[in-house]
Structures are given as structure tokens and as C-alpha cells.
Amino acid sequence: MPKKGVVIPKGAAGEADSEQVLYPNVFYKDGYFWMYYLAHNNINIRISLALSKDGINYTKKGVVLPLGAAGEADEYETYACSVLYKDGYFWMYYGAGYALKNQRICLALSKDGINYTKKGVVIPMGAAGEADDTEMYCCSVLYKDGFFWLYYVGSRLDYGRCCLALSKDGINYTKKGVVLPLGAAGEADDRNVYTISVFYKDGYFWMYYCGHDGANIRICLALSKDGINFTKKGVVLPLGAAGEADDVHTNTAHVLYKDGFFWLYYGAHDGGNFRISLALSKDGINFTS
């Protein structure tokens, strides 16, 4: 299936998402596609919500996770999130920033998906020398075999790698370390691995992620039988043609499987704007033809 183009444009002047919209996180519940995304107005970064019946035409609902008070973990930004619905609650894991390059993974809970109660930090920064000793962000959570599997980007020395933490209760996590390292020189992900989207299907953990080679950001795929040892499959969403919404970067990916299709929502960047676009695939690999 071809790319479907922009589904969440930037907001009007004065709105929460007037500068950038990116980092989509989407799931289907009660007849709606629920899309949480990062809204930036050039002053604040906050998590907003949009709803859709068909996955293409969205109605924005505004900010659902505001900034914390001074001194709290998320006083600077509520960043990219991953939301799981379980046991009557929306579990929102998100990157909380209290200063530049000091993000940690926090949790907020909601009964209705709109009104959230913050629970604080669940994944702290690592000790000096560890893979996540600078910051952690861009998480993806799934529940399987009695565990919350929380994948996140651990950053050290200004480059990111995919890490994993496991929990029985969704609050107390044990870190398992790096599960997706940087690529070798010349590969699509030799500079950065980030913005992870993971789900389980047909005996595999499917991990979509952004690979950065120092010049371009493109969406890549890796597969695993056990959720720890991943095999990279390379770029699945290349850059668009000149003049298209994604001709500079295909960035910040999230994938939902529904009705026989892989729905890939991503941040499309044309050199000046970030907007959320959609591409569809029957096999999870071919998104453009």
C-alpha cells in the first residue's frame, strides 16, 4: 500500500502544537484510534491527544499531560509517550524532562484516557558509564507473559541505543541493558538508534525504530523471538521524493497492526516542518508500494 500522507498537521498560531507535531503513539479501543503525540509550540513540549474513527481523519483533543510543577521530574517537558490499556487503566509511560538532557521515564495512569494522574519516575538514569547515564526517552511498552516489557532509548555521550526493562507490576522495573546497538559504519543506524515501537505478532517481537546515519533519519525494522536478541532487517520507510512531506527524514515511528494491515504513523520532516504521516503495509516491510 502507498503512503497516505499527513494525518496530523501543525496547529494554528497560539495552539499547543503550532510548531511541531511528532512522536505518535496509537492504539485502537472502543471504535477509535487513540493517537497521543508530542505537541510543541516553540515554548513548551507536552503530550496531546487526537481521536479518529478511520485512522486517517483525526480530531484533536488538546493537551492531556501538562508540565509538572517546579522541581518535579517533568517540569521542563512531557515528552514522547507509549500507552498501554490494561486492567481498566490507560498506562502512559513518557519521557520526563526537568532540564535539557536529563530525561527519565515516568508513568501516569488514567481511567478515561484524558485525565491522568502522574506516578513519578519508574526508570531512573543509569550510573556513570552505563548505556543510559545521560538520558532515556522514546519508550515503547507491551504486556506479555506476566511482564511489562518497557523498551526505551538509553543515551550516553550523545548517541542512543535501545534498552529493555521488565516489571511484574508496571512500576518496579529491572533493567536488562542494551538489546539493539548501533549499526556498523556505513549502515543506516550507525549514529543513533531511537524512537522505538514494539509489538508481538506471529511469534516475533517486531521493533520499528529510527536509524540515523549522521545525515538522514529513516525507519528501520528488527525482529526477535525472545524480545532480547534482535535481528535487524534494514530500512522499511525510506525518504520521500523531493517536495514531499518526508523528503528529509522519516522519523519518530509507531506501528499498529489492525484489519490485516501494519499502520505506520511517523513524523514526516521536509526540512522545515514536522507533521504526522501514515503509511500502510500488508507484510510489515513494504510500506511504499
C-alpha atoms as a PDB file:
ATOM      1  CA  MET A   1       0.000   0.000   0.000  1.00  0.00           C
ATOM      2  CA  PRO A   2       1.263   3.526  -0.704  1.00  0.00           C
ATOM      3  CA  LYS A   3       1.923   6.260   1.784  1.00  0.00           C
ATOM      4  CA  LYS A   4      -1.237   8.025   2.916  1.00  0.00           C
ATOM      5  CA  GLY A   5       0.366  11.380   3.673  1.00  0.00           C
ATOM      6  CA  VAL A   6      -0.130  13.810   6.547  1.00  0.00           C
ATOM      7  CA  VAL A   7      -2.856  12.926   9.073  1.00  0.00           C
ATOM      8  CA  ILE A   8      -1.954  15.361  11.891  1.00  0.00           C
ATOM      9  CA  PRO A   9      -0.893  18.820  10.676  1.00  0.00           C
ATOM     10  CA  LYS A  10       0.599  21.544  12.799  1.00  0.00           C
ATOM     11  CA  GLY A  11      -1.863  23.596  14.816  1.00  0.00           C
ATOM     12  CA  ALA A  12      -2.723  27.241  14.282  1.00  0.00           C
ATOM     13  CA  ALA A  13      -0.775  30.049  15.909  1.00  0.00           C
ATOM     14  CA  GLY A  14      -1.277  30.014  19.672  1.00  0.00           C
ATOM     15  CA  GLU A  15      -2.219  26.324  19.855  1.00  0.00           C
ATOM     16  CA  ALA A  16      -0.204  23.725  21.777  1.00  0.00           C
ATOM     17  CA  ASP A  17       1.101  22.122  18.568  1.00  0.00           C
ATOM     18  CA  SER A  18       1.674  25.221  16.454  1.00  0.00           C
ATOM     19  CA  GLU A  19       5.388  24.495  15.940  1.00  0.00           C
ATOM     20  CA  GLN A  20       5.783  20.715  15.633  1.00  0.00           C
ATOM     21  CA  VAL A  21       3.743  17.506  15.838  1.00  0.00           C
ATOM     22  CA  LEU A  22       5.690  14.250  16.060  1.00  0.00           C
ATOM     23  CA  TYR A  23       6.315  11.111  18.165  1.00  0.00           C
ATOM     24  CA  PRO A  24       2.913   9.479  17.543  1.00  0.00           C
ATOM     25  CA  ASN A  25       1.680   6.620  19.723  1.00  0.00           C
ATOM     26  CA  VAL A  26      -1.526   4.940  18.522  1.00  0.00           C
ATOM     27  CA  PHE A  27      -3.771   2.130  19.682  1.00  0.00           C
ATOM     28  CA  TYR A  28      -7.339   1.055  18.882  1.00  0.00           C
ATOM     29  CA  LYS A  29     -10.043   0.927  21.557  1.00  0.00           C
ATOM     30  CA  ASP A  30     -13.839   1.238  21.633  1.00  0.00           C
ATOM     31  CA  GLY A  31     -14.135   2.048  17.945  1.00  0.00           C
ATOM     32  CA  TYR A  32     -11.473   4.759  17.919  1.00  0.00           C
ATOM     33  CA  PHE A  33      -7.838   5.169  17.026  1.00  0.00           C
ATOM     34  CA  TRP A  34      -6.301   6.953  20.013  1.00  0.00           C
ATOM     35  CA  MET A  35      -3.243   8.942  18.997  1.00  0.00           C
ATOM     36  CA  TYR A  36      -1.058  10.502  21.665  1.00  0.00           C
ATOM     37  CA  TYR A  37       1.644  12.742  20.266  1.00  0.00           C
ATOM     38  CA  LEU A  38       4.243  15.341  21.167  1.00  0.00           C
ATOM     39  CA  ALA A  39       2.906  18.884  20.754  1.00  0.00           C
ATOM     40  CA  HIS A  40       5.412  21.735  20.579  1.00  0.00           C
ATOM     41  CA  ASN A  41       4.500  25.424  20.411  1.00  0.00           C
ATOM     42  CA  ASN A  42       8.109  26.683  20.440  1.00  0.00           C
ATOM     43  CA  ILE A  43       7.830  27.279  24.201  1.00  0.00           C
ATOM     44  CA  ASN A  44       6.523  24.086  25.786  1.00  0.00           C
ATOM     45  CA  ILE A  45       6.576  20.401  24.868  1.00  0.00           C
ATOM     46  CA  ARG A  46       3.521  18.476  26.083  1.00  0.00           C
ATOM     47  CA  ILE A  47       1.637  15.294  25.242  1.00  0.00           C
ATOM     48  CA  SER A  48      -1.612  15.807  23.339  1.00  0.00           C
ATOM     49  CA  LEU A  49      -4.385  13.508  22.105  1.00  0.00           C
ATOM     50  CA  ALA A  50      -6.279  13.106  18.822  1.00  0.00           C
ATOM     51  CA  LEU A  51      -9.078  10.633  18.039  1.00  0.00           C
ATOM     52  CA  SER A  52     -10.211   9.040  14.779  1.00  0.00           C
ATOM     53  CA  LYS A  53     -12.831   6.537  13.623  1.00  0.00           C
ATOM     54  CA  ASP A  54     -10.948   5.523  10.470  1.00  0.00           C
ATOM     55  CA  GLY A  55      -7.295   6.100  11.402  1.00  0.00           C
ATOM     56  CA  ILE A  56      -6.901   8.861   8.836  1.00  0.00           C
ATOM     57  CA  ASN A  57      -9.222  11.722   9.821  1.00  0.00           C
ATOM     58  CA  TYR A  58      -8.325  12.861  13.344  1.00  0.00           C
ATOM     59  CA  THR A  59      -9.937  15.311  15.744  1.00  0.00           C
ATOM     60  CA  LYS A  60      -7.507  16.938  18.148  1.00  0.00           C
ATOM     61  CA  LYS A  61      -8.461  16.896  21.843  1.00  0.00           C
ATOM     62  CA  GLY A  62      -5.607  19.036  23.141  1.00  0.00           C
ATOM     63  CA  VAL A  63      -3.045  18.564  25.897  1.00  0.00           C
ATOM     64  CA  VAL A  64      -3.649  15.615  28.242  1.00  0.00           C
ATOM     65  CA  LEU A  65      -0.344  15.612  30.119  1.00  0.00           C
ATOM     66  CA  PRO A  66       0.740  19.124  31.179  1.00  0.00           C
ATOM     67  CA  LEU A  67       4.086  20.088  32.643  1.00  0.00           C
ATOM     68  CA  GLY A  68       4.845  19.317  36.264  1.00  0.00           C
ATOM     69  CA  ALA A  69       5.392  21.880  38.972  1.00  0.00           C
ATOM     70  CA  ALA A  70       8.808  23.401  39.623  1.00  0.00           C
ATOM     71  CA  GLY A  71      11.196  20.770  40.929  1.00  0.00           C
ATOM     72  CA  GLU A  72       9.210  17.812  39.587  1.00  0.00           C
ATOM     73  CA  ALA A  73      10.678  15.326  37.112  1.00  0.00           C
ATOM     74  CA  ASP A  74       8.629  16.715  34.204  1.00  0.00           C
ATOM     75  CA  GLU A  75       8.743  20.443  34.906  1.00  0.00           C
ATOM     76  CA  TYR A  76      10.519  21.090  31.599  1.00  0.00           C
ATOM     77  CA  GLU A  77       8.640  18.776  29.222  1.00  0.00           C
ATOM     78  CA  THR A  78       6.310  15.795  28.957  1.00  0.00           C
ATOM     79  CA  TYR A  79       7.940  14.111  26.000  1.00  0.00           C
ATOM     80  CA  ALA A  80       7.267  11.125  23.729  1.00  0.00           C
ATOM     81  CA  CYS A  81       4.980   8.505  25.299  1.00  0.00           C
ATOM     82  CA  SER A  82       3.788   4.922  24.993  1.00  0.00           C
ATOM     83  CA  VAL A  83       0.305   3.977  26.205  1.00  0.00           C
ATOM     84  CA  LEU A  84      -0.971   0.527  27.145  1.00  0.00           C
ATOM     85  CA  TYR A  85      -4.565  -0.265  28.184  1.00  0.00           C
ATOM     86  CA  LYS A  86      -4.672  -2.884  30.940  1.00  0.00           C
ATOM     87  CA  ASP A  87      -6.920  -3.706  33.932  1.00  0.00           C
ATOM     88  CA  GLY A  88      -9.224  -0.751  33.307  1.00  0.00           C
ATOM     89  CA  TYR A  89      -6.432   1.833  33.097  1.00  0.00           C
ATOM     90  CA  PHE A  90      -4.506   3.657  30.414  1.00  0.00           C
ATOM     91  CA  TRP A  91      -0.852   3.250  31.416  1.00  0.00           C
ATOM     92  CA  MET A  92       1.141   6.119  29.926  1.00  0.00           C
ATOM     93  CA  TYR A  93       4.918   5.875  30.066  1.00  0.00           C
ATOM     94  CA  TYR A  94       6.634   9.044  28.957  1.00  0.00           C
ATOM     95  CA  GLY A  95       9.917  10.904  28.853  1.00  0.00           C
ATOM     96  CA  ALA A  96      10.007  13.459  31.662  1.00  0.00           C
ATOM     97  CA  GLY A  97      12.415  16.361  31.356  1.00  0.00           C
ATOM     98  CA  TYR A  98      13.458  18.610  34.231  1.00  0.00           C
ATOM     99  CA  ALA A  99      16.380  20.091  32.317  1.00  0.00           C
ATOM    100  CA  LEU A 100      17.931  19.635  28.911  1.00  0.00           C
ATOM    101  CA  LYS A 101      19.465  16.145  28.514  1.00  0.00           C
ATOM    102  CA  ASN A 102      18.078  14.877  31.806  1.00  0.00           C
ATOM    103  CA  GLN A 103      15.077  12.837  30.763  1.00  0.00           C
ATOM    104  CA  ARG A 104      13.795   9.895  32.756  1.00  0.00           C
ATOM    105  CA  ILE A 105      10.877   7.516  32.116  1.00  0.00           C
ATOM    106  CA  CYS A 106       7.779   8.330  34.176  1.00  0.00           C
ATOM    107  CA  LEU A 107       4.312   6.810  34.490  1.00  0.00           C
ATOM    108  CA  ALA A 108       0.837   8.340  34.525  1.00  0.00           C
ATOM    109  CA  LEU A 109      -2.474   6.457  34.883  1.00  0.00           C
ATOM    110  CA  SER A 110      -5.974   7.266  33.642  1.00  0.00           C
ATOM    111  CA  LYS A 111      -9.416   5.649  33.657  1.00  0.00           C
ATOM    112  CA  ASP A 112     -10.684   7.589  30.630  1.00  0.00           C
ATOM    113  CA  GLY A 113      -7.531   8.247  28.606  1.00  0.00           C
ATOM    114  CA  ILE A 114      -7.823  12.004  29.085  1.00  0.00           C
ATOM    115  CA  ASN A 115      -7.436  12.752  32.781  1.00  0.00           C
ATOM    116  CA  TYR A 116      -4.113  11.376  34.015  1.00  0.00           C
ATOM    117  CA  THR A 117      -2.624  11.017  37.485  1.00  0.00           C
ATOM    118  CA  LYS A 118       1.165  11.108  37.490  1.00  0.00           C
ATOM    119  CA  LYS A 119       3.003   8.374  39.403  1.00  0.00           C
ATOM    120  CA  GLY A 120       6.549   9.676  39.001  1.00  0.00           C
ATOM    121  CA  VAL A 121       9.805   8.165  37.785  1.00  0.00           C
ATOM    122  CA  VAL A 122       9.876   4.417  37.080  1.00  0.00           C
ATOM    123  CA  ILE A 123      13.177   4.231  35.143  1.00  0.00           C
ATOM    124  CA  PRO A 124      15.937   6.455  36.583  1.00  0.00           C
ATOM    125  CA  MET A 125      19.102   7.393  34.742  1.00  0.00           C
ATOM    126  CA  GLY A 126      21.895   4.862  34.859  1.00  0.00           C
ATOM    127  CA  ALA A 127      25.153   5.157  36.758  1.00  0.00           C
ATOM    128  CA  ALA A 128      28.177   6.746  35.106  1.00  0.00           C
ATOM    129  CA  GLY A 129      29.432   4.597  32.248  1.00  0.00           C
ATOM    130  CA  GLU A 130      26.135   2.762  31.689  1.00  0.00           C
ATOM    131  CA  ALA A 131      24.224   2.897  28.393  1.00  0.00           C
ATOM    132  CA  ASP A 132      21.591   5.267  29.844  1.00  0.00           C
ATOM    133  CA  ASP A 133      23.733   7.546  32.002  1.00  0.00           C
ATOM    134  CA  THR A 134      22.792  10.726  30.089  1.00  0.00           C
ATOM    135  CA  GLU A 135      19.055  10.374  29.465  1.00  0.00           C
ATOM    136  CA  MET A 136      16.304   7.976  28.472  1.00  0.00           C
ATOM    137  CA  TYR A 137      13.329   8.662  26.228  1.00  0.00           C
ATOM    138  CA  CYS A 138      11.162   7.373  23.341  1.00  0.00           C
ATOM    139  CA  CYS A 139       9.816   4.290  25.134  1.00  0.00           C
ATOM    140  CA  SER A 140       7.522   1.502  23.945  1.00  0.00           C
ATOM    141  CA  VAL A 141       5.632  -0.822  26.315  1.00  0.00           C
ATOM    142  CA  LEU A 142       3.788  -4.100  25.854  1.00  0.00           C
ATOM    143  CA  TYR A 143       2.406  -6.680  28.276  1.00  0.00           C
ATOM    144  CA  LYS A 144       3.328 -10.330  27.661  1.00  0.00           C
ATOM    145  CA  ASP A 145       3.778 -13.475  29.743  1.00  0.00           C
ATOM    146  CA  GLY A 146       3.050 -11.687  33.020  1.00  0.00           C
ATOM    147  CA  PHE A 147       5.535  -8.878  32.445  1.00  0.00           C
ATOM    148  CA  PHE A 148       5.511  -5.287  31.298  1.00  0.00           C
ATOM    149  CA  TRP A 149       8.211  -5.083  28.623  1.00  0.00           C
ATOM    150  CA  LEU A 150       9.427  -1.496  28.520  1.00  0.00           C
ATOM    151  CA  TYR A 151      11.795  -0.696  25.675  1.00  0.00           C
ATOM    152  CA  TYR A 152      13.430   2.717  25.748  1.00  0.00           C
ATOM    153  CA  VAL A 153      16.279   4.701  24.262  1.00  0.00           C
ATOM    154  CA  GLY A 154      19.264   4.881  26.561  1.00  0.00           C
ATOM    155  CA  SER A 155      21.574   7.730  25.685  1.00  0.00           C
ATOM    156  CA  ARG A 156      25.259   8.030  26.507  1.00  0.00           C
ATOM    157  CA  LEU A 157      27.758  10.506  25.059  1.00  0.00           C
ATOM    158  CA  ASP A 158      25.034  11.885  22.785  1.00  0.00           C
ATOM    159  CA  TYR A 159      24.138   8.673  20.966  1.00  0.00           C
ATOM    160  CA  GLY A 160      21.231   6.344  21.641  1.00  0.00           C
ATOM    161  CA  ARG A 161      20.726   2.602  21.771  1.00  0.00           C
ATOM    162  CA  CYS A 162      17.626   0.543  22.546  1.00  0.00           C
ATOM    163  CA  CYS A 163      17.430  -0.803  26.100  1.00  0.00           C
ATOM    164  CA  LEU A 164      14.935  -3.039  27.889  1.00  0.00           C
ATOM    165  CA  ALA A 165      13.483  -3.106  31.404  1.00  0.00           C
ATOM    166  CA  LEU A 166      10.994  -5.659  32.788  1.00  0.00           C
ATOM    167  CA  SER A 167       8.376  -5.388  35.535  1.00  0.00           C
ATOM    168  CA  LYS A 168       5.678  -7.559  37.101  1.00  0.00           C
ATOM    169  CA  ASP A 169       3.596  -4.636  38.382  1.00  0.00           C
ATOM    170  CA  GLY A 170       4.355  -1.903  35.830  1.00  0.00           C
ATOM    171  CA  ILE A 171       6.049   0.288  38.438  1.00  0.00           C
ATOM    172  CA  ASN A 172       9.139  -1.533  39.723  1.00  0.00           C
ATOM    173  CA  TYR A 173      11.447  -2.251  36.798  1.00  0.00           C
ATOM    174  CA  THR A 174      14.640  -4.249  36.402  1.00  0.00           C
ATOM    175  CA  LYS A 175      16.927  -3.049  33.628  1.00  0.00           C
ATOM    176  CA  LYS A 176      18.161  -5.660  31.157  1.00  0.00           C
ATOM    177  CA  GLY A 177      20.567  -3.463  29.234  1.00  0.00           C
ATOM    178  CA  VAL A 178      21.064  -2.815  25.525  1.00  0.00           C
ATOM    179  CA  VAL A 179      19.076  -5.022  23.127  1.00  0.00           C
ATOM    180  CA  LEU A 180      19.607  -3.028  19.915  1.00  0.00           C
ATOM    181  CA  PRO A 181      23.069  -1.472  19.490  1.00  0.00           C
ATOM    182  CA  LEU A 182      24.293   0.980  16.878  1.00  0.00           C
ATOM    183  CA  GLY A 183      24.950  -0.334  13.390  1.00  0.00           C
ATOM    184  CA  ALA A 184      28.380  -0.757  11.856  1.00  0.00           C
ATOM    185  CA  ALA A 185      29.997   2.117   9.969  1.00  0.00           C
ATOM    186  CA  GLY A 186      28.079   2.909   6.795  1.00  0.00           C
ATOM    187  CA  GLU A 187      24.795   1.355   7.959  1.00  0.00           C
ATOM    188  CA  ALA A 188      21.539   3.287   8.300  1.00  0.00           C
ATOM    189  CA  ASP A 189      21.757   3.315  12.120  1.00  0.00           C
ATOM    190  CA  ASP A 190      25.482   3.838  12.728  1.00  0.00           C
ATOM    191  CA  ARG A 191      24.947   7.173  14.531  1.00  0.00           C
ATOM    192  CA  ASN A 192      21.744   6.722  16.538  1.00  0.00           C
ATOM    193  CA  VAL A 193      19.024   4.191  17.332  1.00  0.00           C
ATOM    194  CA  TYR A 194      15.896   5.752  18.779  1.00  0.00           C
ATOM    195  CA  THR A 195      12.083   6.168  18.747  1.00  0.00           C
ATOM    196  CA  ILE A 196      11.136   2.552  19.288  1.00  0.00           C
ATOM    197  CA  SER A 197       7.783   0.899  18.595  1.00  0.00           C
ATOM    198  CA  VAL A 198       7.497  -2.762  19.635  1.00  0.00           C
ATOM    199  CA  PHE A 199       4.616  -5.235  19.493  1.00  0.00           C
ATOM    200  CA  TYR A 200       4.253  -9.025  19.462  1.00  0.00           C
ATOM    201  CA  LYS A 201       2.797 -10.858  16.459  1.00  0.00           C
ATOM    202  CA  ASP A 202       3.114 -14.334  14.952  1.00  0.00           C
ATOM    203  CA  GLY A 203       5.826 -15.477  17.342  1.00  0.00           C
ATOM    204  CA  TYR A 204       8.012 -12.396  16.923  1.00  0.00           C
ATOM    205  CA  PHE A 205       8.687  -9.122  18.659  1.00  0.00           C
ATOM    206  CA  TRP A 206       8.504  -6.531  15.851  1.00  0.00           C
ATOM    207  CA  MET A 207      10.636  -3.483  16.620  1.00  0.00           C
ATOM    208  CA  TYR A 208      10.323  -0.445  14.387  1.00  0.00           C
ATOM    209  CA  TYR A 209      12.863   2.249  15.123  1.00  0.00           C
ATOM    210  CA  CYS A 210      14.579   5.302  13.706  1.00  0.00           C
ATOM    211  CA  GLY A 211      18.033   4.725  12.278  1.00  0.00           C
ATOM    212  CA  HIS A 212      20.259   7.787  11.983  1.00  0.00           C
ATOM    213  CA  ASP A 213      23.430   7.680   9.898  1.00  0.00           C
ATOM    214  CA  GLY A 214      24.539  11.206  10.713  1.00  0.00           C
ATOM    215  CA  ALA A 215      22.773  12.717   7.708  1.00  0.00           C
ATOM    216  CA  ASN A 216      19.347  11.119   7.347  1.00  0.00           C
ATOM    217  CA  ILE A 217      16.816   9.512   9.660  1.00  0.00           C
ATOM    218  CA  ARG A 218      14.840   6.588   8.268  1.00  0.00           C
ATOM    219  CA  ILE A 219      12.541   3.996   9.798  1.00  0.00           C
ATOM    220  CA  CYS A 220      14.033   0.526  10.197  1.00  0.00           C
ATOM    221  CA  LEU A 221      12.825  -2.873  11.426  1.00  0.00           C
ATOM    222  CA  ALA A 222      14.326  -5.530  13.714  1.00  0.00           C
ATOM    223  CA  LEU A 223      12.780  -8.897  14.693  1.00  0.00           C
ATOM    224  CA  SER A 224      13.242 -11.142  17.735  1.00  0.00           C
ATOM    225  CA  LYS A 225      11.855 -14.449  19.006  1.00  0.00           C
ATOM    226  CA  ASP A 226      12.646 -13.730  22.662  1.00  0.00           C
ATOM    227  CA  GLY A 227      12.396  -9.937  22.876  1.00  0.00           C
ATOM    228  CA  ILE A 228      16.081  -9.593  23.716  1.00  0.00           C
ATOM    229  CA  ASN A 229      18.088 -10.832  20.736  1.00  0.00           C
ATOM    230  CA  PHE A 230      17.058  -8.816  17.673  1.00  0.00           C
ATOM    231  CA  THR A 231      17.994  -9.256  14.028  1.00  0.00           C
ATOM    232  CA  LYS A 232      17.996  -6.040  12.020  1.00  0.00           C
ATOM    233  CA  LYS A 233      16.100  -6.060   8.725  1.00  0.00           C
ATOM    234  CA  GLY A 234      17.121  -2.624   7.479  1.00  0.00           C
ATOM    235  CA  VAL A 235      15.167   0.404   6.249  1.00  0.00           C
ATOM    236  CA  VAL A 236      11.429  -0.110   5.654  1.00  0.00           C
ATOM    237  CA  LEU A 237      10.399   3.515   5.134  1.00  0.00           C
ATOM    238  CA  PRO A 238      12.862   5.496   3.023  1.00  0.00           C
ATOM    239  CA  LEU A 239      12.781   9.224   2.396  1.00  0.00           C
ATOM    240  CA  GLY A 240      10.106  10.721   0.186  1.00  0.00           C
ATOM    241  CA  ALA A 241      10.736  12.343  -3.170  1.00  0.00           C
ATOM    242  CA  ALA A 242      11.714  16.000  -3.386  1.00  0.00           C
ATOM    243  CA  GLY A 243       8.840  18.244  -2.339  1.00  0.00           C
ATOM    244  CA  GLU A 244       7.038  15.583  -0.282  1.00  0.00           C
ATOM    245  CA  ALA A 245       6.333  15.950   3.440  1.00  0.00           C
ATOM    246  CA  ASP A 246       9.047  13.401   4.339  1.00  0.00           C
ATOM    247  CA  ASP A 247      11.817  14.232   1.864  1.00  0.00           C
ATOM    248  CA  VAL A 248      14.397  14.968   4.618  1.00  0.00           C
ATOM    249  CA  HIS A 249      13.538  12.497   7.401  1.00  0.00           C
ATOM    250  CA  THR A 250      11.079   9.682   8.100  1.00  0.00           C
ATOM    251  CA  ASN A 251      11.194   9.950  11.853  1.00  0.00           C
ATOM    252  CA  THR A 252       9.543   9.019  15.200  1.00  0.00           C
ATOM    253  CA  ALA A 253       7.715   5.828  14.214  1.00  0.00           C
ATOM    254  CA  HIS A 254       4.812   3.947  15.776  1.00  0.00           C
ATOM    255  CA  VAL A 255       3.180   0.842  14.286  1.00  0.00           C
ATOM    256  CA  LEU A 256      -0.258  -0.623  14.986  1.00  0.00           C
ATOM    257  CA  TYR A 257      -1.482  -3.913  13.481  1.00  0.00           C
ATOM    258  CA  LYS A 258      -5.192  -3.859  12.600  1.00  0.00           C
ATOM    259  CA  ASP A 259      -7.507  -5.363   9.979  1.00  0.00           C
ATOM    260  CA  GLY A 260      -4.690  -7.134   8.169  1.00  0.00           C
ATOM    261  CA  PHE A 261      -2.504  -4.048   7.852  1.00  0.00           C
ATOM    262  CA  PHE A 262       0.509  -2.606   9.600  1.00  0.00           C
ATOM    263  CA  TRP A 263      -0.370   1.054  10.221  1.00  0.00           C
ATOM    264  CA  LEU A 264       2.864   3.038  10.409  1.00  0.00           C
ATOM    265  CA  TYR A 265       2.466   6.535  11.844  1.00  0.00           C
ATOM    266  CA  TYR A 266       5.580   8.677  11.755  1.00  0.00           C
ATOM    267  CA  GLY A 267       6.984  12.168  11.955  1.00  0.00           C
ATOM    268  CA  ALA A 268       7.455  13.416   8.395  1.00  0.00           C
ATOM    269  CA  HIS A 269      10.082  16.143   8.051  1.00  0.00           C
ATOM    270  CA  ASP A 270      10.566  18.275   4.939  1.00  0.00           C
ATOM    271  CA  GLY A 271      13.396  20.397   6.296  1.00  0.00           C
ATOM    272  CA  GLY A 272      11.128  22.963   7.895  1.00  0.00           C
ATOM    273  CA  ASN A 273       8.145  21.159   9.392  1.00  0.00           C
ATOM    274  CA  PHE A 274       7.367  18.047  11.387  1.00  0.00           C
ATOM    275  CA  ARG A 275       3.913  16.597  10.726  1.00  0.00           C
ATOM    276  CA  ILE A 276       2.493  13.153  11.467  1.00  0.00           C
ATOM    277  CA  SER A 277       2.001  10.980   8.394  1.00  0.00           C
ATOM    278  CA  LEU A 278       0.729   7.455   7.753  1.00  0.00           C
ATOM    279  CA  ALA A 279       1.897   4.533   5.609  1.00  0.00           C
ATOM    280  CA  LEU A 280       0.273   1.086   5.331  1.00  0.00           C
ATOM    281  CA  SER A 281       1.687  -2.367   4.633  1.00  0.00           C
ATOM    282  CA  LYS A 282       0.343  -5.906   4.352  1.00  0.00           C
ATOM    283  CA  ASP A 283       3.628  -7.594   5.338  1.00  0.00           C
ATOM    284  CA  GLY A 284       5.171  -5.042   7.703  1.00  0.00           C
ATOM    285  CA  ILE A 285       8.145  -4.483   5.400  1.00  0.00           C
ATOM    286  CA  ASN A 286       6.871  -2.902   2.184  1.00  0.00           C
ATOM    287  CA  PHE A 287       5.222   0.393   3.048  1.00  0.00           C
ATOM    288  CA  THR A 288       5.521   2.309  -0.202  1.00  0.00           C
ATOM    289  CA  SER A 289       4.283   0.053  -2.997  1.00  0.00           C
END
